[in-house]
Amino acid sequence: MKAVYISEPGGPEVLEVREVEAPLPGPGEVLIDVVAAGLNRADVQQRRGFYPPPPGASEIPGLEVSGRIAGFGTGVSKPFSLGDKVVALLAGGGYAQQVAVPAEQVLRLPDGVDLVTAASLPEVAATVYSNLVMTAQLQAGETVLIHGATGGIGTMAIQLAKAYGAKVATTAGTDEKVSTAKAFLGADIAINYAEEDFPESLRRQNGGKGADVILDVVGAKYLKQNIEALAEYGRLVVIGLQGGTKGELDLGELLRKRAAVVATALRPRPVAEKGAILNGVRDHVWPMVADGRIQPLVARTFPLDQVSAAHEYFDSGDHVGKVLLVM
């Protein structure tokens, strides 16, 4: 089969398509003929040498796929059949024509979504649902601040938070993306972080109140401002480190606000935890996709042999929604 490998840490040019042996499903795993794979920030960090796969995971990048079930290992208890159309959440291995994955990390497609578009869903749906709903306990009527409005996480988070009845504020780096976040994605407040101080702008546009929940993909660079932007009893959930890993935390302000800071990562979680998250996605997010409250957004698709071009486009930040590789 064809699969993508990283020849050395670096830019998109280090991605190579190679012919390799197809995987064999182990106990409790299913084999999937991959139709499409989603690009994620974690893939870029792995390509740059900053985010190695967890122990035992494939060195092939790719954390989410869509496809058809092509085989079974022993002891698979989920009621799947050969040829079933599915999506899967992976610890690695998605940039390939086949992948073996624990059955707990596989879901059938939501109604009304084609097989290619479906590859845009598992990683972002699991990330957003687990952090906004399971971890932050977002409630209807609360204000949530979502950084990175037009990326894969941002576009899903805005829609999910709105569907849960929250007031949504978001940040983006250009006026065009700010307009997209409000007019197309439904954000109530959109802030151009390149031109405004987002904590001050949020309070000005939100009746003097900060955010009850903040979903942050930036990390250290935004730590001080995120704490400023929190409301009393607010919850800051850090899920990315695009802006660095080390920052100074004002514990006094955190104490005064009775606020919390939580950091989570999806990729290294045990299979059972990923399975529980995906069960929640199936029960609570898939119905919203099926009835149109959440729309999967695909910016562009690239064939597998153009993986370097796909990463170059992803790195540009020009996309609204997901970038996919199509096998």
Protein backbone atom coordinates (compact mmCIF):
# COMPACT_ATOMS: atom_id res chain seq x y z
CA MET A 1 0.00 0.00 0.00
CA LYS A 2 0.96 3.66 -0.25
CA ALA A 3 1.68 5.58 2.94
CA VAL A 4 3.30 8.87 3.95
CA TYR A 5 6.49 9.00 5.98
CA ILE A 6 8.50 11.91 7.41
CA SER A 7 12.07 11.67 6.10
CA GLU A 8 13.41 14.16 8.67
CA PRO A 9 12.01 17.04 10.74
CA GLY A 10 11.18 20.03 8.58
CA GLY A 11 8.73 21.64 6.18
CA PRO A 12 6.18 20.06 3.86
CA GLU A 13 8.97 18.88 1.54
CA VAL A 14 10.04 16.18 4.04
CA LEU A 15 6.81 14.21 3.49
CA GLU A 16 7.38 11.18 1.26
CA VAL A 17 4.90 8.69 -0.22
CA ARG A 18 6.30 5.17 0.02
CA GLU A 19 5.17 1.65 -0.85
CA VAL A 20 4.95 -0.40 2.36
CA GLU A 21 3.30 -3.56 3.63
CA ALA A 22 -0.33 -3.20 4.63
CA PRO A 23 -1.11 -3.48 8.35
CA LEU A 24 -2.70 -6.57 9.87
CA PRO A 25 -5.49 -6.04 12.43
CA GLY A 26 -4.54 -7.25 15.88
CA PRO A 27 -6.88 -8.46 18.63
CA GLY A 28 -9.82 -6.10 18.99
CA GLU A 29 -8.89 -4.13 15.86
CA VAL A 30 -10.59 -3.55 12.54
CA LEU A 31 -8.85 -2.97 9.21
CA ILE A 32 -10.10 0.02 7.21
CA ASP A 33 -9.67 0.75 3.53
CA VAL A 34 -9.06 4.48 3.82
CA VAL A 35 -11.01 6.81 1.54
CA ALA A 36 -9.87 10.12 3.05
CA ALA A 37 -7.75 11.40 5.94
CA GLY A 38 -7.90 14.71 7.77
CA LEU A 39 -4.95 17.03 8.37
CA ASN A 40 -4.48 18.32 11.90
CA ARG A 41 -2.09 20.64 13.72
CA ALA A 42 -0.64 17.59 15.46
CA ASP A 43 0.48 16.26 12.07
CA VAL A 44 2.36 19.50 11.42
CA GLN A 45 4.01 19.35 14.84
CA GLN A 46 5.01 15.74 14.21
CA ARG A 47 6.43 16.72 10.81
CA ARG A 48 8.50 19.46 12.48
CA GLY A 49 9.85 17.01 15.05
CA PHE A 50 7.98 18.44 18.06
CA TYR A 51 5.24 15.81 18.59
CA PRO A 52 6.40 12.18 18.26
CA PRO A 53 3.77 9.42 18.14
CA PRO A 54 2.82 7.84 21.49
CA PRO A 55 4.61 4.57 22.33
CA GLY A 56 3.37 1.78 20.08
CA ALA A 57 1.63 4.09 17.58
CA SER A 58 2.40 4.16 13.87
CA GLU A 59 5.07 6.60 12.72
CA ILE A 60 2.85 7.39 9.73
CA PRO A 61 1.08 10.70 10.47
CA GLY A 62 -2.69 11.08 10.44
CA LEU A 63 -5.15 11.05 13.35
CA GLU A 64 -8.49 10.60 11.58
CA VAL A 65 -9.84 8.77 8.54
CA SER A 66 -12.99 7.73 6.78
CA GLY A 67 -13.33 4.52 4.82
CA ARG A 68 -14.78 1.02 4.63
CA ILE A 69 -14.15 -1.91 6.93
CA ALA A 70 -11.93 -4.45 5.16
CA GLY A 71 -11.17 -6.98 7.89
CA PHE A 72 -11.21 -7.91 11.56
CA GLY A 73 -8.80 -9.05 14.22
CA THR A 74 -9.89 -11.51 16.84
CA GLY A 75 -12.28 -10.51 19.58
CA VAL A 76 -14.01 -7.54 17.92
CA SER A 77 -17.28 -7.14 19.79
CA LYS A 78 -18.74 -4.14 17.98
CA PRO A 79 -21.41 -5.14 15.44
CA PHE A 80 -19.53 -4.15 12.27
CA SER A 81 -19.66 -5.88 8.90
CA LEU A 82 -17.27 -5.93 5.96
CA GLY A 83 -17.87 -2.88 3.77
CA ASP A 84 -19.45 -0.74 6.49
CA LYS A 85 -18.77 2.97 5.98
CA VAL A 86 -17.00 4.32 9.05
CA VAL A 87 -14.79 7.02 10.52
CA ALA A 88 -11.98 6.36 12.95
CA LEU A 89 -9.94 8.24 15.52
CA LEU A 90 -6.28 7.23 15.44
CA ALA A 91 -3.05 7.63 17.39
CA GLY A 92 -1.29 7.64 13.99
CA GLY A 93 -1.31 5.92 10.62
CA GLY A 94 -4.03 7.83 8.80
CA TYR A 95 -1.99 9.01 5.79
CA ALA A 96 -2.17 5.57 4.19
CA GLN A 97 -4.41 3.42 2.03
CA GLN A 98 -5.17 1.08 4.95
CA VAL A 99 -5.06 1.38 8.72
CA ALA A 100 -5.72 -0.97 11.64
CA VAL A 101 -7.45 0.62 14.61
CA PRO A 102 -9.13 -0.53 17.87
CA ALA A 103 -12.82 -1.08 17.24
CA GLU A 104 -13.68 1.24 20.15
CA GLN A 105 -12.28 4.13 18.11
CA VAL A 106 -14.51 3.49 15.08
CA LEU A 107 -17.97 4.92 14.39
CA ARG A 108 -20.42 4.60 11.56
CA LEU A 109 -20.97 7.81 9.58
CA PRO A 110 -23.62 10.27 10.71
CA ASP A 111 -26.63 10.42 8.42
CA GLY A 112 -26.38 12.68 5.39
CA VAL A 113 -22.57 12.91 5.19
CA ASP A 114 -20.62 11.50 2.24
CA LEU A 115 -17.61 9.29 2.81
CA VAL A 116 -14.96 11.86 1.86
CA THR A 117 -16.45 14.71 3.90
CA ALA A 118 -16.81 12.38 6.88
CA ALA A 119 -13.00 12.35 7.28
CA SER A 120 -13.25 15.94 8.51
CA LEU A 121 -15.23 14.91 11.59
CA PRO A 122 -13.73 12.39 14.05
CA GLU A 123 -10.74 14.30 15.45
CA VAL A 124 -12.44 17.69 15.74
CA ALA A 125 -15.74 16.28 16.98
CA ALA A 126 -13.99 14.20 19.65
CA THR A 127 -11.70 17.07 20.67
CA VAL A 128 -14.43 19.68 20.88
CA TYR A 129 -17.05 17.47 22.54
CA SER A 130 -14.64 16.06 25.12
CA ASN A 131 -13.32 19.49 26.08
CA LEU A 132 -16.35 21.77 25.90
CA VAL A 133 -18.95 19.31 27.16
CA MET A 134 -17.20 16.56 29.15
CA THR A 135 -14.39 18.65 30.68
CA ALA A 136 -15.64 22.26 30.82
CA GLN A 137 -19.31 21.31 31.35
CA LEU A 138 -20.47 24.14 29.06
CA GLN A 139 -24.04 25.17 29.84
CA ALA A 140 -26.72 26.96 27.83
CA GLY A 141 -26.52 30.71 28.37
CA GLU A 142 -22.82 30.71 29.24
CA THR A 143 -20.26 32.63 27.20
CA VAL A 144 -17.53 30.60 25.53
CA LEU A 145 -14.42 32.11 23.90
CA ILE A 146 -12.94 30.01 21.10
CA HIS A 147 -9.54 30.86 19.67
CA GLY A 148 -8.79 30.12 16.01
CA ALA A 149 -12.23 30.69 14.54
CA THR A 150 -11.77 29.33 11.03
CA GLY A 151 -9.60 26.25 11.60
CA GLY A 152 -10.96 22.74 11.94
CA ILE A 153 -11.33 22.96 15.73
CA GLY A 154 -12.73 26.48 15.64
CA THR A 155 -15.39 25.83 13.01
CA MET A 156 -16.62 22.75 14.89
CA ALA A 157 -16.44 24.41 18.32
CA ILE A 158 -18.44 27.47 17.26
CA GLN A 159 -21.21 25.32 15.82
CA LEU A 160 -21.31 22.87 18.72
CA ALA A 161 -21.36 25.63 21.34
CA LYS A 162 -24.20 27.38 19.52
CA ALA A 163 -26.12 24.11 19.33
CA TYR A 164 -25.72 23.77 23.11
CA GLY A 165 -27.21 27.24 23.59
CA ALA A 166 -24.04 29.11 24.54
CA LYS A 167 -23.11 32.66 23.56
CA VAL A 168 -20.04 32.31 21.34
CA ALA A 169 -17.10 34.69 21.11
CA THR A 170 -14.12 33.89 18.93
CA THR A 171 -10.83 35.30 17.72
CA ALA A 172 -9.27 35.40 14.25
CA GLY A 173 -6.32 37.16 12.65
CA THR A 174 -7.95 39.05 9.77
CA ASP A 175 -11.10 41.06 9.19
CA GLU A 176 -12.14 38.54 6.53
CA LYS A 177 -11.94 35.67 9.01
CA VAL A 178 -13.80 37.74 11.61
CA SER A 179 -16.61 38.28 9.08
CA THR A 180 -16.64 34.57 8.24
CA ALA A 181 -16.89 33.63 11.91
CA LYS A 182 -19.97 35.82 12.39
CA ALA A 183 -21.79 35.63 9.06
CA PHE A 184 -21.02 32.04 8.10
CA LEU A 185 -20.34 30.18 11.35
CA GLY A 186 -22.76 32.04 13.61
CA ALA A 187 -20.44 33.48 16.26
CA ASP A 188 -22.07 36.22 18.37
CA ILE A 189 -18.78 38.09 18.90
CA ALA A 190 -15.71 37.90 16.68
CA ILE A 191 -12.48 39.71 17.56
CA ASN A 192 -9.50 40.49 15.34
CA TYR A 193 -6.67 39.66 17.73
CA ALA A 194 -4.15 41.45 15.48
CA GLU A 195 -5.92 44.77 16.06
CA GLU A 196 -7.67 44.46 19.44
CA ASP A 197 -6.91 43.30 22.97
CA PHE A 198 -9.25 40.35 23.10
CA PRO A 199 -10.01 40.38 26.88
CA GLU A 200 -10.99 44.06 26.74
CA SER A 201 -12.94 43.64 23.50
CA LEU A 202 -14.80 40.61 24.85
CA ARG A 203 -15.96 42.45 27.97
CA ARG A 204 -16.94 45.53 25.96
CA GLN A 205 -19.10 43.43 23.64
CA ASN A 206 -20.43 41.12 26.36
CA GLY A 207 -21.91 43.58 28.85
CA GLY A 208 -18.77 43.77 30.96
CA LYS A 209 -18.61 40.02 31.49
CA GLY A 210 -15.74 37.68 30.61
CA ALA A 211 -15.90 34.13 29.31
CA ASP A 212 -17.26 31.26 31.37
CA VAL A 213 -15.28 28.84 29.21
CA ILE A 214 -12.23 29.42 26.99
CA LEU A 215 -11.07 26.80 24.47
CA ASP A 216 -7.45 27.63 23.66
CA VAL A 217 -5.18 26.19 20.96
CA VAL A 218 -2.42 28.78 21.48
CA GLY A 219 -0.97 28.00 24.91
CA ALA A 220 1.68 30.08 26.68
CA LYS A 221 1.43 33.16 24.47
CA TYR A 222 -2.21 33.65 25.49
CA LEU A 223 -2.03 32.49 29.11
CA LYS A 224 -2.03 35.94 30.74
CA GLN A 225 -4.76 37.31 28.46
CA ASN A 226 -6.88 34.19 28.85
CA ILE A 227 -6.85 34.55 32.64
CA GLU A 228 -7.81 38.22 32.23
CA ALA A 229 -10.65 37.19 29.91
CA LEU A 230 -12.15 34.62 32.29
CA ALA A 231 -15.33 35.38 34.19
CA GLU A 232 -15.76 34.35 37.82
CA TYR A 233 -15.80 30.55 38.09
CA GLY A 234 -14.49 30.44 34.53
CA ARG A 235 -12.75 27.41 33.03
CA LEU A 236 -9.75 27.73 30.71
CA VAL A 237 -9.16 24.55 28.71
CA VAL A 238 -5.81 24.47 26.89
CA ILE A 239 -5.69 21.97 24.01
CA GLY A 240 -2.81 23.32 21.90
CA LEU A 241 0.61 24.88 22.21
CA GLN A 242 1.01 26.87 19.00
CA GLY A 243 2.22 29.82 21.09
CA GLY A 244 4.67 27.96 23.30
CA THR A 245 4.72 25.77 26.40
CA LYS A 246 5.90 28.04 29.24
CA GLY A 247 4.12 31.11 30.56
CA GLU A 248 3.67 33.05 33.79
CA LEU A 249 0.44 32.40 35.66
CA ASP A 250 -1.05 34.97 38.07
CA LEU A 251 -2.43 32.65 40.75
CA GLY A 252 -3.84 35.63 42.65
CA GLU A 253 -6.17 36.52 39.80
CA LEU A 254 -7.10 32.86 39.39
CA LEU A 255 -7.97 32.69 43.09
CA ARG A 256 -10.00 35.90 43.03
CA LYS A 257 -12.07 34.55 40.17
CA ARG A 258 -12.36 31.04 41.66
CA ALA A 259 -11.35 29.93 38.17
CA ALA A 260 -9.72 26.77 36.81
CA VAL A 261 -7.07 25.96 34.21
CA VAL A 262 -7.16 22.52 32.60
CA ALA A 263 -4.90 21.11 29.89
CA THR A 264 -5.85 18.05 27.85
CA ALA A 265 -4.58 16.03 24.90
CA LEU A 266 -6.61 13.50 22.94
CA ARG A 267 -3.94 11.53 21.09
CA PRO A 268 -2.19 9.81 24.05
CA ARG A 269 -5.38 8.82 25.88
CA PRO A 270 -6.04 5.12 26.47
CA VAL A 271 -8.31 3.27 24.06
CA ALA A 272 -11.09 3.01 26.64
CA GLU A 273 -11.15 6.80 27.14
CA LYS A 274 -11.23 7.43 23.40
CA GLY A 275 -14.04 4.91 23.11
CA ALA A 276 -16.06 6.69 25.79
CA ILE A 277 -15.53 10.04 24.05
CA LEU A 278 -16.61 8.60 20.70
CA ASN A 279 -19.72 7.10 22.28
CA GLY A 280 -20.60 10.61 23.43
CA VAL A 281 -19.92 11.96 19.94
CA ARG A 282 -22.18 9.29 18.44
CA ASP A 283 -25.01 9.99 20.89
CA HIS A 284 -24.82 13.79 21.08
CA VAL A 285 -22.92 15.21 18.09
CA TRP A 286 -23.94 12.91 15.23
CA PRO A 287 -27.65 13.85 15.61
CA MET A 288 -26.67 17.52 15.29
CA VAL A 289 -24.75 16.74 12.12
CA ALA A 290 -27.65 14.71 10.74
CA ASP A 291 -30.20 17.49 11.27
CA GLY A 292 -27.93 20.27 10.01
CA ARG A 293 -27.20 22.11 13.24
CA ILE A 294 -23.53 21.23 12.68
CA GLN A 295 -22.15 21.25 9.16
CA PRO A 296 -18.79 19.62 8.40
CA LEU A 297 -16.65 22.13 6.55
CA VAL A 298 -14.02 21.04 4.02
CA ALA A 299 -11.75 23.74 2.62
CA ARG A 300 -9.87 21.62 0.06
CA THR A 301 -9.00 18.04 -0.79
CA PHE A 302 -5.66 16.79 -2.14
CA PRO A 303 -4.67 13.37 -3.54
CA LEU A 304 -2.27 11.42 -1.37
CA ASP A 305 0.68 11.98 -3.70
CA GLN A 306 0.23 15.75 -3.20
CA VAL A 307 0.61 15.53 0.58
CA SER A 308 3.38 18.16 0.58
CA ALA A 309 1.10 20.62 -1.23
CA ALA A 310 -1.67 19.83 1.25
CA HIS A 311 0.62 20.66 4.19
CA GLU A 312 1.85 23.83 2.48
CA TYR A 313 -1.75 24.97 2.09
CA PHE A 314 -2.53 24.00 5.70
CA ASP A 315 0.51 25.92 6.96
CA SER A 316 -0.64 29.05 5.09
CA GLY A 317 -3.66 29.38 7.38
CA ASP A 318 -5.88 30.33 4.46
CA HIS A 319 -8.35 27.49 4.95
CA VAL A 320 -11.80 27.70 6.52
CA GLY A 321 -12.54 24.23 7.85
CA LYS A 322 -10.65 21.03 7.21
CA VAL A 323 -8.02 20.01 4.68
CA LEU A 324 -8.26 16.39 3.52
CA LEU A 325 -6.11 13.83 1.74
CA VAL A 326 -8.10 11.60 -0.62
CA MET A 327 -6.77 8.13 -1.41
